């Protein structure tokens, strides 16, 4: 029960199985553990995506200060021969 405190969906599933009046089987425990792992993986994935989004946002902010290169061909190379 302690392991499900951060996962309301998994906690609800565990409570439903406990209150069903049936005996908890090894299969039930495996299902709950699978749901916990899936939930933890989703949290990790979301955290990683947020880190990537923040990094991209920071890069866009810092790159907006850098002047853009000219789109005219060879304009940057004027006078260099």
PDB file of N, CA and C in Angstrom:
ATOM      1  N   UNK A   1       0.828  -1.190   0.000  1.00  0.00           N
ATOM      2  CA  UNK A   1       0.000   0.000   0.000  1.00  0.00           C
ATOM      3  C   UNK A   1       0.873   1.255   0.000  1.00  0.00           C
ATOM      4  N   UNK A   2       1.990   1.205   0.725  1.00  0.00           N
ATOM      5  CA  UNK A   2       2.899   2.350   0.800  1.00  0.00           C
ATOM      6  C   UNK A   2       3.468   2.679  -0.582  1.00  0.00           C
ATOM      7  N   UNK A   3       3.725   1.647  -1.379  1.00  0.00           N
ATOM      8  CA  UNK A   3       4.322   1.864  -2.703  1.00  0.00           C
ATOM      9  C   UNK A   3       3.370   2.585  -3.648  1.00  0.00           C
ATOM     10  N   UNK A   4       2.078   2.531  -3.375  1.00  0.00           N
ATOM     11  CA  UNK A   4       1.092   3.130  -4.277  1.00  0.00           C
ATOM     12  C   UNK A   4       0.700   4.549  -3.882  1.00  0.00           C
ATOM     13  N   UNK A   5       1.333   5.110  -2.851  1.00  0.00           N
ATOM     14  CA  UNK A   5       0.898   6.421  -2.349  1.00  0.00           C
ATOM     15  C   UNK A   5       1.047   7.536  -3.379  1.00  0.00           C
ATOM     16  N   UNK A   6       2.020   7.442  -4.286  1.00  0.00           N
ATOM     17  CA  UNK A   6       2.230   8.482  -5.296  1.00  0.00           C
ATOM     18  C   UNK A   6       1.497   8.195  -6.601  1.00  0.00           C
ATOM     19  N   UNK A   7       0.766   7.094  -6.648  1.00  0.00           N
ATOM     20  CA  UNK A   7       0.079   6.690  -7.871  1.00  0.00           C
ATOM     21  C   UNK A   7      -1.392   6.432  -7.572  1.00  0.00           C
ATOM     22  N   UNK A   8      -2.231   7.455  -7.690  1.00  0.00           N
ATOM     23  CA  UNK A   8      -3.645   7.281  -7.329  1.00  0.00           C
ATOM     24  C   UNK A   8      -4.356   6.196  -8.135  1.00  0.00           C
ATOM     25  N   UNK A   9      -4.028   6.064  -9.421  1.00  0.00           N
ATOM     26  CA  UNK A   9      -4.691   5.043 -10.241  1.00  0.00           C
ATOM     27  C   UNK A   9      -4.334   3.638  -9.765  1.00  0.00           C
ATOM     28  N   UNK A  10      -3.069   3.438  -9.451  1.00  0.00           N
ATOM     29  CA  UNK A  10      -2.617   2.124  -8.987  1.00  0.00           C
ATOM     30  C   UNK A  10      -3.189   1.843  -7.603  1.00  0.00           C
ATOM     31  N   UNK A  11      -3.234   2.858  -6.771  1.00  0.00           N
ATOM     32  CA  UNK A  11      -3.800   2.696  -5.427  1.00  0.00           C
ATOM     33  C   UNK A  11      -5.270   2.295  -5.522  1.00  0.00           C
ATOM     34  N   UNK A  12      -6.004   2.935  -6.418  1.00  0.00           N
ATOM     35  CA  UNK A  12      -7.420   2.610  -6.589  1.00  0.00           C
ATOM     36  C   UNK A  12      -7.588   1.175  -7.085  1.00  0.00           C
ATOM     37  N   UNK A  13      -6.745   0.761  -8.010  1.00  0.00           N
ATOM     38  CA  UNK A  13      -6.807  -0.613  -8.523  1.00  0.00           C
ATOM     39  C   UNK A  13      -6.531  -1.612  -7.404  1.00  0.00           C
ATOM     40  N   UNK A  14      -5.540  -1.326  -6.578  1.00  0.00           N
ATOM     41  CA  UNK A  14      -5.222  -2.208  -5.452  1.00  0.00           C
ATOM     42  C   UNK A  14      -6.395  -2.284  -4.480  1.00  0.00           C
ATOM     43  N   UNK A  15      -6.977  -1.137  -4.152  1.00  0.00           N
ATOM     44  CA  UNK A  15      -8.125  -1.130  -3.236  1.00  0.00           C
ATOM     45  C   UNK A  15      -9.312  -1.885  -3.823  1.00  0.00           C
ATOM     46  N   UNK A  16      -9.559  -1.707  -5.112  1.00  0.00           N
ATOM     47  CA  UNK A  16     -10.659  -2.435  -5.755  1.00  0.00           C
ATOM     48  C   UNK A  16     -10.460  -3.944  -5.630  1.00  0.00           C
ATOM     49  N   UNK A  17      -9.226  -4.381  -5.846  1.00  0.00           N
ATOM     50  CA  UNK A  17      -8.960  -5.822  -5.751  1.00  0.00           C
ATOM     51  C   UNK A  17      -9.057  -6.313  -4.310  1.00  0.00           C
ATOM     52  N   UNK A  18      -8.602  -5.501  -3.363  1.00  0.00           N
ATOM     53  CA  UNK A  18      -8.678  -5.910  -1.959  1.00  0.00           C
ATOM     54  C   UNK A  18     -10.127  -5.967  -1.470  1.00  0.00           C
ATOM     55  N   UNK A  19     -10.939  -4.999  -1.878  1.00  0.00           N
ATOM     56  CA  UNK A  19     -12.323  -4.933  -1.415  1.00  0.00           C
ATOM     57  C   UNK A  19     -13.273  -5.811  -2.224  1.00  0.00           C
ATOM     58  N   UNK A  20     -12.777  -6.464  -3.248  1.00  0.00           N
ATOM     59  CA  UNK A  20     -13.648  -7.310  -4.066  1.00  0.00           C
ATOM     60  C   UNK A  20     -14.098  -8.554  -3.301  1.00  0.00           C
ATOM     61  N   UNK A  21     -13.432  -8.860  -2.198  1.00  0.00           N
ATOM     62  CA  UNK A  21     -13.812 -10.029  -1.413  1.00  0.00           C
ATOM     63  C   UNK A  21     -13.087 -11.279  -1.854  1.00  0.00           C
ATOM     64  N   UNK A  22     -12.404 -11.196  -2.972  1.00  0.00           N
ATOM     65  CA  UNK A  22     -11.647 -12.350  -3.450  1.00  0.00           C
ATOM     66  C   UNK A  22     -10.265 -12.323  -2.822  1.00  0.00           C
ATOM     67  N   UNK A  23      -9.651 -13.434  -2.854  1.00  0.00           N
ATOM     68  CA  UNK A  23      -8.300 -13.549  -2.323  1.00  0.00           C
ATOM     69  C   UNK A  23      -7.302 -12.984  -3.323  1.00  0.00           C
ATOM     70  N   UNK A  24      -6.315 -12.232  -2.823  1.00  0.00           N
ATOM     71  CA  UNK A  24      -5.270 -11.703  -3.713  1.00  0.00           C
ATOM     72  C   UNK A  24      -4.381 -12.860  -4.155  1.00  0.00           C
ATOM     73  N   UNK A  25      -4.203 -12.968  -5.434  1.00  0.00           N
ATOM     74  CA  UNK A  25      -3.362 -14.032  -5.975  1.00  0.00           C
ATOM     75  C   UNK A  25      -2.017 -13.453  -6.401  1.00  0.00           C
ATOM     76  N   UNK A  26      -1.124 -14.331  -6.761  1.00  0.00           N
ATOM     77  CA  UNK A  26       0.169 -13.894  -7.289  1.00  0.00           C
ATOM     78  C   UNK A  26      -0.018 -13.088  -8.559  1.00  0.00           C
ATOM     79  N   UNK A  27      -1.024 -13.474  -9.327  1.00  0.00           N
ATOM     80  CA  UNK A  27      -1.329 -12.749 -10.570  1.00  0.00           C
ATOM     81  C   UNK A  27      -1.752 -11.307 -10.263  1.00  0.00           C
ATOM     82  N   UNK A  28      -2.572 -11.138  -9.225  1.00  0.00           N
ATOM     83  CA  UNK A  28      -2.990  -9.793  -8.820  1.00  0.00           C
ATOM     84  C   UNK A  28      -1.786  -8.952  -8.415  1.00  0.00           C
ATOM     85  N   UNK A  29      -0.886  -9.543  -7.632  1.00  0.00           N
ATOM     86  CA  UNK A  29       0.308  -8.822  -7.204  1.00  0.00           C
ATOM     87  C   UNK A  29       1.177  -8.441  -8.398  1.00  0.00           C
ATOM     88  N   UNK A  30       1.311  -9.361  -9.349  1.00  0.00           N
ATOM     89  CA  UNK A  30       2.104  -9.065 -10.548  1.00  0.00           C
ATOM     90  C   UNK A  30       1.468  -7.932 -11.349  1.00  0.00           C
ATOM     91  N   UNK A  31       0.139  -7.932 -11.440  1.00  0.00           N
ATOM     92  CA  UNK A  31      -0.557  -6.865 -12.167  1.00  0.00           C
ATOM     93  C   UNK A  31      -0.336  -5.507 -11.497  1.00  0.00           C
ATOM     94  N   UNK A  32      -0.424  -5.474 -10.174  1.00  0.00           N
ATOM     95  CA  UNK A  32      -0.209  -4.226  -9.437  1.00  0.00           C
ATOM     96  C   UNK A  32       1.229  -3.748  -9.630  1.00  0.00           C
ATOM     97  N   UNK A  33       2.186  -4.660  -9.541  1.00  0.00           N
ATOM     98  CA  UNK A  33       3.600  -4.293  -9.746  1.00  0.00           C
ATOM     99  C   UNK A  33       3.829  -3.782 -11.163  1.00  0.00           C
ATOM    100  N   UNK A  34       3.166  -4.415 -12.132  1.00  0.00           N
ATOM    101  CA  UNK A  34       3.288  -3.972 -13.526  1.00  0.00           C
ATOM    102  C   UNK A  34       2.729  -2.559 -13.682  1.00  0.00           C
ATOM    103  N   UNK A  35       1.588  -2.301 -13.061  1.00  0.00           N
ATOM    104  CA  UNK A  35       1.000  -0.962 -13.118  1.00  0.00           C
ATOM    105  C   UNK A  35       1.910   0.073 -12.458  1.00  0.00           C
ATOM    106  N   UNK A  36       2.530  -0.305 -11.340  1.00  0.00           N
ATOM    107  CA  UNK A  36       3.460   0.605 -10.664  1.00  0.00           C
ATOM    108  C   UNK A  36       4.659   0.924 -11.553  1.00  0.00           C
ATOM    109  N   UNK A  37       5.233  -0.114 -12.176  1.00  0.00           N
ATOM    110  CA  UNK A  37       6.383   0.106 -13.070  1.00  0.00           C
ATOM    111  C   UNK A  37       5.996   0.992 -14.243  1.00  0.00           C
ATOM    112  N   UNK A  38       4.831   0.714 -14.820  1.00  0.00           N
ATOM    113  CA  UNK A  38       4.357   1.503 -15.957  1.00  0.00           C
ATOM    114  C   UNK A  38       4.174   2.965 -15.549  1.00  0.00           C
ATOM    115  N   UNK A  39       3.618   3.180 -14.374  1.00  0.00           N
ATOM    116  CA  UNK A  39       3.400   4.534 -13.871  1.00  0.00           C
ATOM    117  C   UNK A  39       4.729   5.246 -13.642  1.00  0.00           C
ATOM    118  N   UNK A  40       5.701   4.560 -13.048  1.00  0.00           N
ATOM    119  CA  UNK A  40       7.019   5.148 -12.806  1.00  0.00           C
ATOM    120  C   UNK A  40       7.724   5.471 -14.123  1.00  0.00           C
ATOM    121  N   UNK A  41       7.620   4.568 -15.104  1.00  0.00           N
ATOM    122  CA  UNK A  41       8.235   4.811 -16.409  1.00  0.00           C
ATOM    123  C   UNK A  41       7.620   6.037 -17.075  1.00  0.00           C
ATOM    124  N   UNK A  42       6.315   6.194 -16.934  1.00  0.00           N
ATOM    125  CA  UNK A  42       5.636   7.354 -17.510  1.00  0.00           C
ATOM    126  C   UNK A  42       6.108   8.646 -16.843  1.00  0.00           C
ATOM    127  N   UNK A  43       6.270   8.608 -15.527  1.00  0.00           N
ATOM    128  CA  UNK A  43       6.773   9.793 -14.818  1.00  0.00           C
ATOM    129  C   UNK A  43       8.180  10.148 -15.282  1.00  0.00           C
ATOM    130  N   UNK A  44       9.028   9.135 -15.441  1.00  0.00           N
ATOM    131  CA  UNK A  44      10.401   9.370 -15.905  1.00  0.00           C
ATOM    132  C   UNK A  44      10.382   9.944 -17.314  1.00  0.00           C
ATOM    133  N   UNK A  45       9.551   9.364 -18.181  1.00  0.00           N
ATOM    134  CA  UNK A  45       9.451   9.835 -19.569  1.00  0.00           C
ATOM    135  C   UNK A  45       8.991  11.292 -19.609  1.00  0.00           C
ATOM    136  N   UNK A  46       7.991  11.639 -18.801  1.00  0.00           N
ATOM    137  CA  UNK A  46       7.503  13.016 -18.763  1.00  0.00           C
ATOM    138  C   UNK A  46       8.579  13.971 -18.248  1.00  0.00           C
ATOM    139  N   UNK A  47       9.312  13.522 -17.240  1.00  0.00           N
ATOM    140  CA  UNK A  47      10.393  14.342 -16.698  1.00  0.00           C
ATOM    141  C   UNK A  47      11.465  14.589 -17.754  1.00  0.00           C
ATOM    142  N   UNK A  48      11.832  13.539 -18.492  1.00  0.00           N
ATOM    143  CA  UNK A  48      12.842  13.685 -19.545  1.00  0.00           C
ATOM    144  C   UNK A  48      12.354  14.614 -20.648  1.00  0.00           C
ATOM    145  N   UNK A  49      11.085  14.493 -21.017  1.00  0.00           N
ATOM    146  CA  UNK A  49      10.529  15.377 -22.043  1.00  0.00           C
ATOM    147  C   UNK A  49      10.527  16.826 -21.574  1.00  0.00           C
ATOM    148  N   UNK A  50      10.209  17.048 -20.308  1.00  0.00           N
ATOM    149  CA  UNK A  50      10.230  18.412 -19.766  1.00  0.00           C
ATOM    150  C   UNK A  50      11.637  18.988 -19.783  1.00  0.00           C
ATOM    151  N   UNK A  51      12.630  18.162 -19.467  1.00  0.00           N
ATOM    152  CA  UNK A  51      14.023  18.615 -19.509  1.00  0.00           C
ATOM    153  C   UNK A  51      14.401  19.012 -20.928  1.00  0.00           C
ATOM    154  N   UNK A  52      14.006  18.199 -21.902  1.00  0.00           N
ATOM    155  CA  UNK A  52      14.307  18.499 -23.308  1.00  0.00           C
ATOM    156  C   UNK A  52      13.611  19.783 -23.736  1.00  0.00           C
ATOM    157  N   UNK A  53      12.331  19.929 -23.365  1.00  0.00           N
ATOM    158  CA  UNK A  53      11.592  21.149 -23.729  1.00  0.00           C
ATOM    159  C   UNK A  53      12.247  22.394 -23.130  1.00  0.00           C
ATOM    160  N   UNK A  54      12.630  22.303 -21.869  1.00  0.00           N
ATOM    161  CA  UNK A  54      13.286  23.441 -21.218  1.00  0.00           C
ATOM    162  C   UNK A  54      14.602  23.772 -21.894  1.00  0.00           C
ATOM    163  N   UNK A  55      15.369  22.763 -22.266  1.00  0.00           N
ATOM    164  CA  UNK A  55      16.640  22.985 -22.942  1.00  0.00           C
ATOM    165  C   UNK A  55      16.415  23.676 -24.286  1.00  0.00           C
ATOM    166  N   UNK A  56      15.437  23.197 -25.039  1.00  0.00           N
ATOM    167  CA  UNK A  56      15.138  23.797 -26.348  1.00  0.00           C
ATOM    168  C   UNK A  56      14.691  25.242 -26.171  1.00  0.00           C
ATOM    169  N   UNK A  57      13.838  25.495 -25.189  1.00  0.00           N
ATOM    170  CA  UNK A  57      13.388  26.868 -24.934  1.00  0.00           C
ATOM    171  C   UNK A  57      14.561  27.777 -24.582  1.00  0.00           C
ATOM    172  N   UNK A  58      15.476  27.285 -23.743  1.00  0.00           N
ATOM    173  CA  UNK A  58      16.647  28.082 -23.375  1.00  0.00           C
ATOM    174  C   UNK A  58      17.523  28.356 -24.594  1.00  0.00           C
ATOM    175  N   UNK A  59      17.690  27.357 -25.455  1.00  0.00           N
ATOM    176  CA  UNK A  59      18.505  27.526 -26.654  1.00  0.00           C
ATOM    177  C   UNK A  59      17.879  28.553 -27.588  1.00  0.00           C
ATOM    178  N   UNK A  60      16.560  28.514 -27.708  1.00  0.00           N
ATOM    179  CA  UNK A  60      15.888  29.478 -28.575  1.00  0.00           C
ATOM    180  C   UNK A  60      16.030  30.887 -28.022  1.00  0.00           C
ATOM    181  N   UNK A  61      15.986  31.025 -26.706  1.00  0.00           N
ATOM    182  CA  UNK A  61      16.146  32.348 -26.105  1.00  0.00           C
ATOM    183  C   UNK A  61      17.557  32.875 -26.312  1.00  0.00           C
ATOM    184  N   UNK A  62      18.558  32.032 -26.112  1.00  0.00           N
ATOM    185  CA  UNK A  62      19.939  32.495 -26.273  1.00  0.00           C
ATOM    186  C   UNK A  62      20.274  32.706 -27.739  1.00  0.00           C
ATOM    187  N   UNK A  63      19.709  31.911 -28.620  1.00  0.00           N
ATOM    188  CA  UNK A  63      19.985  32.059 -30.050  1.00  0.00           C
ATOM    189  C   UNK A  63      19.283  33.270 -30.643  1.00  0.00           C
ATOM    190  N   UNK A  64      18.254  33.772 -30.004  1.00  0.00           N
ATOM    191  CA  UNK A  64      17.563  34.947 -30.537  1.00  0.00           C
ATOM    192  C   UNK A  64      18.431  36.192 -30.384  1.00  0.00           C
ATOM    193  N   UNK A  65      19.426  36.146 -29.495  1.00  0.00           N
ATOM    194  CA  UNK A  65      20.348  37.272 -29.314  1.00  0.00           C
ATOM    195  C   UNK A  65      21.461  37.283 -30.354  1.00  0.00           C
ATOM    196  N   UNK A  66      21.704  36.151 -31.000  1.00  0.00           N
ATOM    197  CA  UNK A  66      22.785  36.030 -31.975  1.00  0.00           C
ATOM    198  C   UNK A  66      22.275  36.518 -33.327  1.00  0.00           C
ATOM    199  N   UNK A  67      23.013  37.428 -33.999  1.00  0.00           N
ATOM    200  CA  UNK A  67      22.556  37.892 -35.309  1.00  0.00           C
ATOM    201  C   UNK A  67      22.533  36.743 -36.314  1.00  0.00           C
ATOM    202  N   UNK A  68      21.550  36.789 -37.170  1.00  0.00           N
ATOM    203  CA  UNK A  68      21.396  35.754 -38.191  1.00  0.00           C
ATOM    204  C   UNK A  68      22.419  35.960 -39.295  1.00  0.00           C
ATOM    205  N   UNK A  69      22.835  34.863 -39.915  1.00  0.00           N
ATOM    206  CA  UNK A  69      23.732  34.960 -41.061  1.00  0.00           C
ATOM    207  C   UNK A  69      22.947  35.493 -42.249  1.00  0.00           C
ATOM    208  N   UNK A  70      23.647  36.142 -43.104  1.00  0.00           N
ATOM    209  CA  UNK A  70      23.016  36.724 -44.279  1.00  0.00           C
ATOM    210  C   UNK A  70      22.515  35.626 -45.205  1.00  0.00           C
ATOM    211  N   UNK A  71      21.406  35.904 -45.867  1.00  0.00           N
ATOM    212  CA  UNK A  71      20.882  34.949 -46.834  1.00  0.00           C
ATOM    213  C   UNK A  71      21.391  35.242 -48.237  1.00  0.00           C
ATOM    214  N   UNK A  72      22.097  36.368 -48.403  1.00  0.00           N
ATOM    215  CA  UNK A  72      22.676  36.712 -49.701  1.00  0.00           C
ATOM    216  C   UNK A  72      23.958  35.900 -49.861  1.00  0.00           C
ATOM    217  N   UNK A  73      24.096  35.154 -50.977  1.00  0.00           N
ATOM    218  CA  UNK A  73      25.283  34.314 -51.154  1.00  0.00           C
ATOM    219  C   UNK A  73      26.567  35.145 -51.146  1.00  0.00           C
ATOM    220  N   UNK A  74      27.569  34.675 -50.453  1.00  0.00           N
ATOM    221  CA  UNK A  74      28.913  35.252 -50.390  1.00  0.00           C
ATOM    222  C   UNK A  74      28.963  36.656 -49.798  1.00  0.00           C
ATOM    223  N   UNK A  75      27.893  37.140 -49.202  1.00  0.00           N
ATOM    224  CA  UNK A  75      27.919  38.475 -48.614  1.00  0.00           C
ATOM    225  C   UNK A  75      28.879  38.522 -47.423  1.00  0.00           C
ATOM    226  N   UNK A  76      28.960  37.432 -46.684  1.00  0.00           N
ATOM    227  CA  UNK A  76      29.853  37.379 -45.535  1.00  0.00           C
ATOM    228  C   UNK A  76      31.320  37.375 -45.961  1.00  0.00           C
ATOM    229  N   UNK A  77      31.605  37.027 -47.212  1.00  0.00           N
ATOM    230  CA  UNK A  77      32.983  36.888 -47.683  1.00  0.00           C
ATOM    231  C   UNK A  77      33.448  38.082 -48.509  1.00  0.00           C
ATOM    232  N   UNK A  78      32.735  39.189 -48.469  1.00  0.00           N
ATOM    233  CA  UNK A  78      33.127  40.362 -49.256  1.00  0.00           C
ATOM    234  C   UNK A  78      34.514  40.824 -48.848  1.00  0.00           C
ATOM    235  N   UNK A  79      35.333  41.088 -49.814  1.00  0.00           N
ATOM    236  CA  UNK A  79      36.667  41.604 -49.561  1.00  0.00           C
ATOM    237  C   UNK A  79      37.663  40.523 -49.170  1.00  0.00           C
ATOM    238  N   UNK A  80      37.238  39.310 -49.033  1.00  0.00           N
ATOM    239  CA  UNK A  80      38.167  38.228 -48.687  1.00  0.00           C
ATOM    240  C   UNK A  80      38.455  37.435 -49.951  1.00  0.00           C
ATOM    241  N   UNK A  81      39.722  37.472 -50.394  1.00  0.00           N
ATOM    242  CA  UNK A  81      40.108  36.704 -51.584  1.00  0.00           C
ATOM    243  C   UNK A  81      41.479  36.188 -51.416  1.00  0.00           C
TER     244      UNK A  81
END
